[in-house]
Amino acid sequence: MEMFDFTDPGFLGFLESEGCMDTNEGLINRVAKVLRSSPNDVIDTEEFRSACTKAGVDPDSFTQADLDALQSRLNK
C-alpha cells in the first residue's frame, strides 16, 4: 500500500488547488469550483453567496483581493 507524504509541498499545493484546505487560496478555489458550473457569464451577488454556501465558505469573509483572485480563476 502506497503512503502519501502529507508534508510534501507538492501534495499540500495540490490539496490547496483542489479547495481541500481552509487556507485563503483553498477557500477561493473551493468557491471557484462551484461557480465554474454556472451557465451565467456574469455572477451576481446572490449567485456568489449561494456558491459560497454550497462550498462551505462564509461569503462575508471575502475581501476585494479575494474577489479579484476569484475572478482571475474563473477567467482562466
N, C-alpha and C. Protein backbone atom coordinates (compact mmCIF):
# COMPACT_ATOMS: atom_id res chain seq x y z
N MET A 1 0.84 -1.17 0.00
CA MET A 1 0.00 0.00 0.00
C MET A 1 0.89 1.24 0.00
N GLU A 2 0.61 2.17 -0.92
CA GLU A 2 1.42 3.38 -1.04
C GLU A 2 0.95 4.43 -0.03
N MET A 3 1.90 5.08 0.61
CA MET A 3 1.59 6.11 1.60
C MET A 3 1.90 7.48 1.00
N PHE A 4 1.13 8.47 1.37
CA PHE A 4 1.36 9.83 0.93
C PHE A 4 2.20 10.57 1.95
N ASP A 5 3.08 11.42 1.47
CA ASP A 5 3.86 12.28 2.35
C ASP A 5 3.09 13.59 2.49
N PHE A 6 2.33 13.71 3.56
CA PHE A 6 1.47 14.86 3.77
C PHE A 6 2.25 16.15 4.03
N THR A 7 3.55 16.05 4.21
CA THR A 7 4.37 17.25 4.40
C THR A 7 5.00 17.72 3.10
N ASP A 8 4.84 16.94 2.03
CA ASP A 8 5.40 17.30 0.73
C ASP A 8 4.71 18.56 0.22
N PRO A 9 5.47 19.63 -0.10
CA PRO A 9 4.86 20.87 -0.58
C PRO A 9 4.02 20.66 -1.84
N GLY A 10 4.41 19.74 -2.71
CA GLY A 10 3.62 19.46 -3.91
C GLY A 10 2.25 18.89 -3.57
N PHE A 11 2.21 18.01 -2.59
CA PHE A 11 0.94 17.42 -2.16
C PHE A 11 0.07 18.47 -1.50
N LEU A 12 0.67 19.29 -0.66
CA LEU A 12 -0.08 20.36 0.01
C LEU A 12 -0.61 21.37 -1.01
N GLY A 13 0.19 21.68 -2.02
CA GLY A 13 -0.24 22.59 -3.08
C GLY A 13 -1.40 22.01 -3.86
N PHE A 14 -1.35 20.69 -4.11
CA PHE A 14 -2.45 20.03 -4.80
C PHE A 14 -3.73 20.13 -3.99
N LEU A 15 -3.64 19.85 -2.70
CA LEU A 15 -4.83 19.93 -1.85
C LEU A 15 -5.41 21.34 -1.85
N GLU A 16 -4.55 22.34 -1.79
CA GLU A 16 -5.00 23.73 -1.80
C GLU A 16 -5.66 24.08 -3.13
N SER A 17 -5.07 23.65 -4.24
CA SER A 17 -5.63 23.96 -5.56
C SER A 17 -6.98 23.29 -5.77
N GLU A 18 -7.21 22.19 -5.08
CA GLU A 18 -8.49 21.49 -5.19
C GLU A 18 -9.52 22.01 -4.18
N GLY A 19 -9.12 23.00 -3.36
CA GLY A 19 -10.03 23.57 -2.39
C GLY A 19 -10.22 22.71 -1.16
N CYS A 20 -9.29 21.81 -0.92
CA CYS A 20 -9.41 20.89 0.22
C CYS A 20 -8.83 21.45 1.51
N MET A 21 -8.24 22.61 1.44
CA MET A 21 -7.64 23.21 2.63
C MET A 21 -8.35 24.51 2.95
N ASP A 22 -8.38 24.86 4.21
CA ASP A 22 -9.05 26.07 4.64
C ASP A 22 -8.12 27.28 4.65
N THR A 23 -7.16 27.28 3.75
CA THR A 23 -6.33 28.46 3.55
C THR A 23 -7.11 29.44 2.69
N ASN A 24 -6.65 30.65 2.61
CA ASN A 24 -7.30 31.65 1.78
C ASN A 24 -7.42 31.16 0.34
N GLU A 25 -6.32 30.66 -0.21
CA GLU A 25 -6.32 30.15 -1.59
C GLU A 25 -7.27 28.95 -1.73
N GLY A 26 -7.27 28.09 -0.74
CA GLY A 26 -8.13 26.92 -0.78
C GLY A 26 -9.60 27.29 -0.80
N LEU A 27 -9.98 28.28 0.00
CA LEU A 27 -11.37 28.72 0.04
C LEU A 27 -11.79 29.37 -1.28
N ILE A 28 -10.91 30.17 -1.85
CA ILE A 28 -11.19 30.79 -3.15
C ILE A 28 -11.37 29.71 -4.21
N ASN A 29 -10.49 28.73 -4.21
CA ASN A 29 -10.59 27.63 -5.19
C ASN A 29 -11.86 26.82 -5.00
N ARG A 30 -12.27 26.64 -3.75
CA ARG A 30 -13.49 25.89 -3.47
C ARG A 30 -14.71 26.59 -4.06
N VAL A 31 -14.80 27.91 -3.89
CA VAL A 31 -15.92 28.68 -4.45
C VAL A 31 -15.83 28.71 -5.97
N ALA A 32 -14.62 28.83 -6.51
CA ALA A 32 -14.44 28.85 -7.97
C ALA A 32 -14.94 27.55 -8.59
N LYS A 33 -14.70 26.43 -7.94
CA LYS A 33 -15.18 25.14 -8.47
C LYS A 33 -16.70 25.13 -8.59
N VAL A 34 -17.38 25.68 -7.61
CA VAL A 34 -18.84 25.72 -7.66
C VAL A 34 -19.30 26.66 -8.76
N LEU A 35 -18.68 27.82 -8.87
CA LEU A 35 -19.11 28.83 -9.84
C LEU A 35 -18.79 28.42 -11.28
N ARG A 36 -17.80 27.57 -11.48
CA ARG A 36 -17.47 27.13 -12.85
C ARG A 36 -18.63 26.39 -13.50
N SER A 37 -19.50 25.83 -12.71
CA SER A 37 -20.65 25.10 -13.27
C SER A 37 -21.80 26.03 -13.63
N SER A 38 -21.65 27.31 -13.36
CA SER A 38 -22.71 28.28 -13.66
C SER A 38 -22.80 28.53 -15.16
N PRO A 39 -24.02 28.59 -15.69
CA PRO A 39 -24.18 28.90 -17.11
C PRO A 39 -24.08 30.40 -17.39
N ASN A 40 -24.01 31.19 -16.34
CA ASN A 40 -24.01 32.65 -16.49
C ASN A 40 -22.62 33.21 -16.78
N ASP A 41 -22.58 34.23 -17.62
CA ASP A 41 -21.32 34.92 -17.91
C ASP A 41 -20.97 35.91 -16.80
N VAL A 42 -21.98 36.43 -16.14
CA VAL A 42 -21.80 37.39 -15.06
C VAL A 42 -22.41 36.79 -13.80
N ILE A 43 -21.63 36.81 -12.73
CA ILE A 43 -22.08 36.24 -11.46
C ILE A 43 -22.58 37.40 -10.58
N ASP A 44 -23.84 37.32 -10.17
CA ASP A 44 -24.36 38.37 -9.31
C ASP A 44 -24.14 37.99 -7.84
N THR A 45 -24.49 38.91 -6.97
CA THR A 45 -24.25 38.72 -5.54
C THR A 45 -24.98 37.49 -5.01
N GLU A 46 -26.21 37.29 -5.43
CA GLU A 46 -26.99 36.16 -4.95
C GLU A 46 -26.34 34.83 -5.35
N GLU A 47 -25.88 34.75 -6.59
CA GLU A 47 -25.24 33.52 -7.05
C GLU A 47 -23.91 33.29 -6.33
N PHE A 48 -23.15 34.37 -6.11
CA PHE A 48 -21.90 34.27 -5.37
C PHE A 48 -22.14 33.75 -3.97
N ARG A 49 -23.13 34.33 -3.28
CA ARG A 49 -23.41 33.92 -1.91
C ARG A 49 -23.90 32.46 -1.87
N SER A 50 -24.69 32.07 -2.85
CA SER A 50 -25.17 30.69 -2.93
C SER A 50 -24.00 29.73 -3.15
N ALA A 51 -23.08 30.10 -4.03
CA ALA A 51 -21.90 29.27 -4.29
C ALA A 51 -21.05 29.12 -3.03
N CYS A 52 -20.90 30.21 -2.30
CA CYS A 52 -20.14 30.16 -1.05
C CYS A 52 -20.79 29.19 -0.06
N THR A 53 -22.11 29.28 0.05
CA THR A 53 -22.84 28.39 0.96
C THR A 53 -22.65 26.93 0.55
N LYS A 54 -22.77 26.65 -0.75
CA LYS A 54 -22.56 25.28 -1.24
C LYS A 54 -21.15 24.79 -0.97
N ALA A 55 -20.18 25.71 -1.01
CA ALA A 55 -18.78 25.35 -0.81
C ALA A 55 -18.39 25.35 0.67
N GLY A 56 -19.30 25.77 1.53
CA GLY A 56 -18.99 25.82 2.96
C GLY A 56 -18.08 26.96 3.33
N VAL A 57 -18.21 28.08 2.61
CA VAL A 57 -17.35 29.25 2.82
C VAL A 57 -18.23 30.43 3.19
N ASP A 58 -17.78 31.22 4.16
CA ASP A 58 -18.50 32.42 4.56
C ASP A 58 -18.31 33.50 3.50
N PRO A 59 -19.37 33.91 2.80
CA PRO A 59 -19.20 34.91 1.75
C PRO A 59 -18.74 36.26 2.28
N ASP A 60 -19.03 36.54 3.54
CA ASP A 60 -18.62 37.82 4.14
C ASP A 60 -17.14 37.86 4.48
N SER A 61 -16.47 36.71 4.36
CA SER A 61 -15.04 36.69 4.67
C SER A 61 -14.19 37.12 3.47
N PHE A 62 -14.81 37.27 2.30
CA PHE A 62 -14.08 37.64 1.10
C PHE A 62 -13.72 39.12 1.10
N THR A 63 -12.46 39.40 0.86
CA THR A 63 -12.00 40.79 0.69
C THR A 63 -12.04 41.11 -0.80
N GLN A 64 -11.78 42.35 -1.14
CA GLN A 64 -11.74 42.71 -2.56
C GLN A 64 -10.62 41.95 -3.27
N ALA A 65 -9.51 41.76 -2.59
CA ALA A 65 -8.40 40.99 -3.18
C ALA A 65 -8.83 39.54 -3.44
N ASP A 66 -9.62 38.97 -2.52
CA ASP A 66 -10.12 37.60 -2.71
C ASP A 66 -11.07 37.54 -3.91
N LEU A 67 -11.92 38.54 -4.05
CA LEU A 67 -12.86 38.59 -5.18
C LEU A 67 -12.09 38.74 -6.49
N ASP A 68 -11.03 39.54 -6.47
CA ASP A 68 -10.19 39.69 -7.67
C ASP A 68 -9.54 38.36 -8.04
N ALA A 69 -9.04 37.64 -7.03
CA ALA A 69 -8.40 36.34 -7.27
C ALA A 69 -9.43 35.34 -7.79
N LEU A 70 -10.63 35.38 -7.24
CA LEU A 70 -11.71 34.50 -7.71
C LEU A 70 -12.03 34.79 -9.17
N GLN A 71 -12.16 36.05 -9.51
CA GLN A 71 -12.45 36.43 -10.89
C GLN A 71 -11.35 35.95 -11.83
N SER A 72 -10.11 36.08 -11.39
CA SER A 72 -8.98 35.63 -12.20
C SER A 72 -9.06 34.13 -12.46
N ARG A 73 -9.40 33.35 -11.44
CA ARG A 73 -9.51 31.89 -11.61
C ARG A 73 -10.65 31.53 -12.55
N LEU A 74 -11.75 32.25 -12.44
CA LEU A 74 -12.90 31.95 -13.29
C LEU A 74 -12.66 32.34 -14.75
N ASN A 75 -11.78 33.30 -14.97
CA ASN A 75 -11.49 33.76 -16.32
C ASN A 75 -10.45 32.91 -17.03
N LYS A 76 -9.87 31.95 -16.34
CA LYS A 76 -8.83 31.09 -16.96
C LYS A 76 -9.46 30.13 -17.93
